[in-house]
């Protein structure tokens, strides 16, 4: 697959570059350029990212960073079985538990929430950093919801991290998940409060908390312009009584018309 000329491969993380030093120089350059394309495209065009990841995997399947990248590309395209296999391979190569939460989420994607919950109770979770533990909590709550255990999902998300007023990269997503679980349980007032808290922490737009709040408030966003750029004119719907009167008038007209035709006959 073609790679833009401005992609040199030097853009990748230094730790990944260090891993690729085990490869011949030209091969390492080819792999790194494909990995750069994976990183560039995984959010906006996951299928293309997946295609570049498969090329990198074919070139250097014994490099843990390549297996991890291939896993995330498969995960982004909802190929959960393939993603899980790649994450397991990367974990075996590195011995790191960093991928444990996303591996558990793959189990959810495969329709096995009970396995995700089992993973949430494994010793590996205690080895995760704070961000990883929060991610594991989100996955476990999602698994509870998959199993229609809404109250348990809410309790799973209740934690010191949720109660803290400090804002971390994961704060908005944690608050949002809590708000969404509350809403699913019919606790609308609390949900609205937590969607608001999620919005306060969401500096990079990682959630759609503002849209959810607007939806709860009954606000609808309508394009002011039509496709031709002309002002869109929307006629207000008639009130129920007016509509009934219009129907009655039309019925009278039809009746008068029938009478006239009968007289002519």
Protein backbone atom coordinates (compact mmCIF):
# COMPACT_ATOMS: atom_id res chain seq x y z
CA UNK A 1 0.00 0.00 0.00
CA UNK A 2 1.27 3.49 -0.82
CA UNK A 3 2.72 5.58 2.00
CA UNK A 4 3.03 9.38 1.71
CA UNK A 5 6.58 10.58 1.12
CA UNK A 6 6.50 12.78 4.21
CA UNK A 7 6.21 9.68 6.41
CA UNK A 8 9.77 8.73 7.32
CA UNK A 9 9.15 6.34 10.21
CA UNK A 10 11.00 8.59 12.64
CA UNK A 11 7.61 9.75 13.94
CA UNK A 12 7.10 6.61 16.01
CA UNK A 13 7.67 6.42 19.74
CA UNK A 14 11.28 6.01 20.78
CA UNK A 15 10.51 2.79 22.68
CA UNK A 16 9.03 1.26 19.51
CA UNK A 17 12.01 2.45 17.52
CA UNK A 18 14.23 0.72 20.05
CA UNK A 19 12.33 -2.56 19.53
CA UNK A 20 12.72 -2.29 15.77
CA UNK A 21 16.52 -2.04 16.08
CA UNK A 22 16.58 -5.83 16.18
CA UNK A 23 15.58 -5.79 12.49
CA UNK A 24 17.75 -5.03 9.45
CA UNK A 25 17.81 -1.25 8.84
CA UNK A 26 15.75 -1.22 5.63
CA UNK A 27 13.16 -3.61 7.09
CA UNK A 28 12.94 -1.56 10.27
CA UNK A 29 12.24 1.56 8.19
CA UNK A 30 9.48 -0.18 6.24
CA UNK A 31 7.84 -1.47 9.41
CA UNK A 32 8.07 1.88 11.20
CA UNK A 33 6.49 3.74 8.26
CA UNK A 34 3.57 1.30 8.25
CA UNK A 35 3.17 1.72 12.00
CA UNK A 36 3.06 5.49 11.56
CA UNK A 37 0.21 5.04 9.07
CA UNK A 38 -1.64 2.85 11.57
CA UNK A 39 -1.38 5.58 14.20
CA UNK A 40 -2.47 8.27 11.74
CA UNK A 41 -5.53 6.44 10.45
CA UNK A 42 -6.84 4.33 13.31
CA UNK A 43 -9.40 6.93 14.43
CA UNK A 44 -10.54 8.36 11.09
CA UNK A 45 -10.19 5.30 8.85
CA UNK A 46 -9.77 2.12 10.92
CA UNK A 47 -10.08 -0.20 7.92
CA UNK A 48 -7.12 1.47 6.23
CA UNK A 49 -5.19 1.41 9.50
CA UNK A 50 -5.92 -2.31 9.74
CA UNK A 51 -4.53 -2.85 6.24
CA UNK A 52 -1.24 -1.11 7.14
CA UNK A 53 -1.09 -3.07 10.40
CA UNK A 54 -1.35 -6.35 8.49
CA UNK A 55 1.60 -5.32 6.32
CA UNK A 56 3.69 -4.48 9.39
CA UNK A 57 2.66 -7.79 10.95
CA UNK A 58 3.73 -9.70 7.86
CA UNK A 59 7.12 -7.98 7.94
CA UNK A 60 7.86 -8.26 11.67
CA UNK A 61 5.55 -10.57 13.56
CA UNK A 62 8.15 -11.20 16.28
CA UNK A 63 8.18 -7.58 17.43
CA UNK A 64 5.83 -6.94 20.36
CA UNK A 65 5.04 -3.37 19.30
CA UNK A 66 3.90 -4.65 15.91
CA UNK A 67 1.64 -7.27 17.51
CA UNK A 68 0.18 -4.58 19.78
CA UNK A 69 -0.45 -2.22 16.86
CA UNK A 70 -2.09 -5.03 14.91
CA UNK A 71 -4.25 -5.76 17.93
CA UNK A 72 -5.48 -2.19 18.24
CA UNK A 73 -6.17 -1.99 14.50
CA UNK A 74 -8.22 -5.20 14.68
CA UNK A 75 -9.98 -3.91 17.79
CA UNK A 76 -10.88 -0.66 16.00
CA UNK A 77 -12.52 -2.68 13.22
CA UNK A 78 -14.37 -4.89 15.73
CA UNK A 79 -12.34 -7.99 14.84
CA UNK A 80 -12.27 -8.91 18.51
CA UNK A 81 -11.04 -12.48 18.22
CA UNK A 82 -8.09 -11.39 16.11
CA UNK A 83 -7.39 -8.43 18.39
CA UNK A 84 -7.39 -10.66 21.46
CA UNK A 85 -4.93 -13.06 19.84
CA UNK A 86 -2.55 -10.19 18.99
CA UNK A 87 -2.80 -8.67 22.48
CA UNK A 88 -2.08 -12.05 24.06
CA UNK A 89 0.96 -12.45 21.83
CA UNK A 90 2.24 -9.00 22.77
CA UNK A 91 1.69 -9.76 26.47
CA UNK A 92 3.65 -13.00 26.19
CA UNK A 93 6.53 -11.17 24.49
CA UNK A 94 6.76 -8.31 27.00
CA UNK A 95 5.38 -9.77 30.22
CA UNK A 96 3.48 -6.49 30.69
CA UNK A 97 -0.11 -6.40 31.93
CA UNK A 98 -0.78 -3.01 30.29
CA UNK A 99 -3.13 -4.56 27.71
CA UNK A 100 -5.23 -6.42 30.30
CA UNK A 101 -8.24 -4.03 30.20
CA UNK A 102 -8.52 -3.99 26.42
CA UNK A 103 -8.15 -7.78 26.36
CA UNK A 104 -11.09 -7.97 28.76
CA UNK A 105 -13.06 -5.63 26.52
CA UNK A 106 -12.38 -7.95 23.60
CA UNK A 107 -14.09 -10.67 25.62
CA UNK A 108 -17.10 -8.37 25.89
CA UNK A 109 -16.98 -7.80 22.14
CA UNK A 110 -17.06 -11.56 21.64
CA UNK A 111 -20.22 -11.80 23.76
CA UNK A 112 -18.45 -13.17 26.84
CA UNK A 113 -19.00 -10.55 29.56
CA UNK A 114 -18.59 -13.14 32.28
CA UNK A 115 -14.98 -13.66 31.16
CA UNK A 116 -14.38 -9.91 31.26
CA UNK A 117 -15.67 -9.86 34.84
CA UNK A 118 -13.43 -12.77 35.77
CA UNK A 119 -10.44 -10.88 34.36
CA UNK A 120 -11.39 -7.87 36.49
CA UNK A 121 -10.77 -10.01 39.56
CA UNK A 122 -7.39 -11.39 38.47
CA UNK A 123 -4.06 -10.41 40.13
CA UNK A 124 -2.98 -8.64 36.93
CA UNK A 125 -5.33 -5.76 37.75
CA UNK A 126 -3.32 -4.90 40.87
CA UNK A 127 -0.24 -4.45 38.69
CA UNK A 128 -1.90 -1.84 36.49
CA UNK A 129 -1.23 1.86 36.95
CA UNK A 130 -4.08 4.13 38.01
CA UNK A 131 -5.22 4.79 34.43
CA UNK A 132 -5.25 1.05 33.72
CA UNK A 133 -7.26 0.31 36.86
CA UNK A 134 -9.84 2.93 35.91
CA UNK A 135 -10.03 1.41 32.43
CA UNK A 136 -10.55 -2.02 33.97
CA UNK A 137 -13.36 -0.61 36.12
CA UNK A 138 -15.03 0.81 32.99
CA UNK A 139 -14.80 -2.55 31.25
CA UNK A 140 -16.18 -4.39 34.29
CA UNK A 141 -19.12 -1.97 34.51
CA UNK A 142 -19.77 -2.46 30.81
CA UNK A 143 -19.79 -6.22 31.34
CA UNK A 144 -22.35 -5.82 34.12
CA UNK A 145 -24.55 -3.82 31.78
CA UNK A 146 -24.13 -6.47 29.09
CA UNK A 147 -25.64 -8.88 31.62
CA UNK A 148 -28.50 -6.47 32.49
CA UNK A 149 -27.07 -5.87 35.96
CA UNK A 150 -27.56 -2.11 36.01
CA UNK A 151 -27.34 -1.61 39.77
CA UNK A 152 -24.14 -3.63 39.89
CA UNK A 153 -22.71 -1.56 37.04
CA UNK A 154 -23.41 1.63 39.00
CA UNK A 155 -21.77 0.25 42.13
CA UNK A 156 -18.75 -0.90 40.08
CA UNK A 157 -18.13 2.66 38.91
CA UNK A 158 -18.45 4.18 42.38
CA UNK A 159 -14.87 4.70 43.52
CA UNK A 160 -12.43 7.22 44.94
CA UNK A 161 -11.49 8.15 41.37
CA UNK A 162 -15.12 8.99 40.59
CA UNK A 163 -15.55 11.00 43.80
CA UNK A 164 -12.34 12.97 43.29
CA UNK A 165 -12.57 16.56 42.06
CA UNK A 166 -9.18 16.24 40.38
CA UNK A 167 -9.24 15.96 36.60
CA UNK A 168 -7.17 13.28 34.87
CA UNK A 169 -7.18 12.07 31.23
CA UNK A 170 -9.70 9.38 32.18
CA UNK A 171 -11.97 11.51 34.41
CA UNK A 172 -14.46 12.58 31.74
CA UNK A 173 -14.97 9.02 30.49
CA UNK A 174 -15.45 7.67 34.02
CA UNK A 175 -18.02 10.32 34.90
CA UNK A 176 -19.76 9.84 31.56
CA UNK A 177 -20.02 6.07 32.04
CA UNK A 178 -21.48 6.64 35.50
CA UNK A 179 -24.03 9.13 34.15
CA UNK A 180 -25.00 6.76 31.36
CA UNK A 181 -25.49 3.89 33.81
CA UNK A 182 -27.63 6.09 36.06
CA UNK A 183 -29.77 7.12 33.11
CA UNK A 184 -30.22 3.50 32.04
CA UNK A 185 -31.43 2.77 35.58
CA UNK A 186 -34.01 5.57 35.35
CA UNK A 187 -32.19 7.92 37.75
CA UNK A 188 -32.46 10.92 35.45
CA UNK A 189 -31.72 13.75 37.90
CA UNK A 190 -28.50 12.10 39.05
CA UNK A 191 -27.60 11.26 35.46
CA UNK A 192 -27.98 14.86 34.41
CA UNK A 193 -25.72 15.98 37.24
CA UNK A 194 -22.99 13.54 36.23
CA UNK A 195 -23.23 14.32 32.52
CA UNK A 196 -22.59 17.91 33.59
CA UNK A 197 -19.56 16.83 35.62
CA UNK A 198 -18.30 14.81 32.66
CA UNK A 199 -18.61 17.86 30.44
CA UNK A 200 -16.64 19.96 32.92
CA UNK A 201 -13.75 17.49 32.74
CA UNK A 202 -13.96 16.86 29.00
CA UNK A 203 -11.32 19.24 27.67
CA UNK A 204 -10.62 17.36 24.43
CA UNK A 205 -14.13 16.28 23.44
CA UNK A 206 -13.64 12.61 24.23
CA UNK A 207 -17.34 12.22 25.10
CA UNK A 208 -20.63 13.55 23.76
CA UNK A 209 -21.75 14.72 27.19
CA UNK A 210 -22.95 18.08 25.85
CA UNK A 211 -25.21 16.35 23.33
CA UNK A 212 -26.59 14.04 26.00
CA UNK A 213 -27.39 16.99 28.25
CA UNK A 214 -29.11 18.80 25.38
CA UNK A 215 -31.10 15.66 24.60
CA UNK A 216 -32.24 15.38 28.21
CA UNK A 217 -33.30 19.03 28.11
CA UNK A 218 -35.32 18.44 24.96
CA UNK A 219 -33.08 20.59 22.77
CA UNK A 220 -32.98 19.65 19.08
CA UNK A 221 -30.33 20.95 16.72
CA UNK A 222 -31.58 21.74 13.20
CA UNK A 223 -29.47 22.91 10.27
CA UNK A 224 -30.30 26.52 9.46
CA UNK A 225 -29.42 26.03 5.78
CA UNK A 226 -30.60 23.44 3.32
CA UNK A 227 -28.29 21.68 0.86
CA UNK A 228 -28.44 24.59 -1.61
CA UNK A 229 -27.43 27.06 1.06
CA UNK A 230 -30.86 28.70 1.11
CA UNK A 231 -32.61 29.51 4.33
CA UNK A 232 -34.69 26.57 5.38
CA UNK A 233 -38.29 27.44 6.06
CA UNK A 234 -40.21 25.21 8.36
CA UNK A 235 -43.96 25.72 8.63
CA UNK A 236 -45.27 25.22 12.13
CA UNK A 237 -47.56 22.26 12.56
CA UNK A 238 -51.21 23.28 13.06
CA UNK A 239 -52.66 22.90 16.49
CA UNK A 240 -54.84 19.87 17.04
CA UNK A 241 -58.04 21.94 17.04
CA UNK A 242 -57.06 23.81 13.86
CA UNK A 243 -56.24 20.55 12.12
CA UNK A 244 -59.64 19.18 13.08
CA UNK A 245 -61.33 22.32 11.75
CA UNK A 246 -59.45 22.03 8.46
CA UNK A 247 -60.50 18.39 8.09
CA UNK A 248 -64.12 19.39 8.81
CA UNK A 249 -64.00 22.16 6.19
CA UNK A 250 -62.61 19.75 3.60
CA UNK A 251 -65.38 17.27 4.44
CA UNK A 252 -68.01 20.03 3.99
CA UNK A 253 -66.50 20.94 0.62
CA UNK A 254 -66.62 17.33 -0.53
CA UNK A 255 -70.25 17.04 0.64
CA UNK A 256 -71.27 20.22 -1.20
CA UNK A 257 -69.51 18.98 -4.30
CA UNK A 258 -71.38 15.69 -4.13
CA UNK A 259 -74.69 17.55 -3.79
CA UNK A 260 -73.93 19.69 -6.84
CA UNK A 261 -73.07 16.63 -8.93
CA UNK A 262 -76.29 14.95 -7.80
CA UNK A 263 -78.33 18.02 -8.82
CA UNK A 264 -76.67 18.09 -12.25
CA UNK A 265 -77.53 14.46 -12.76
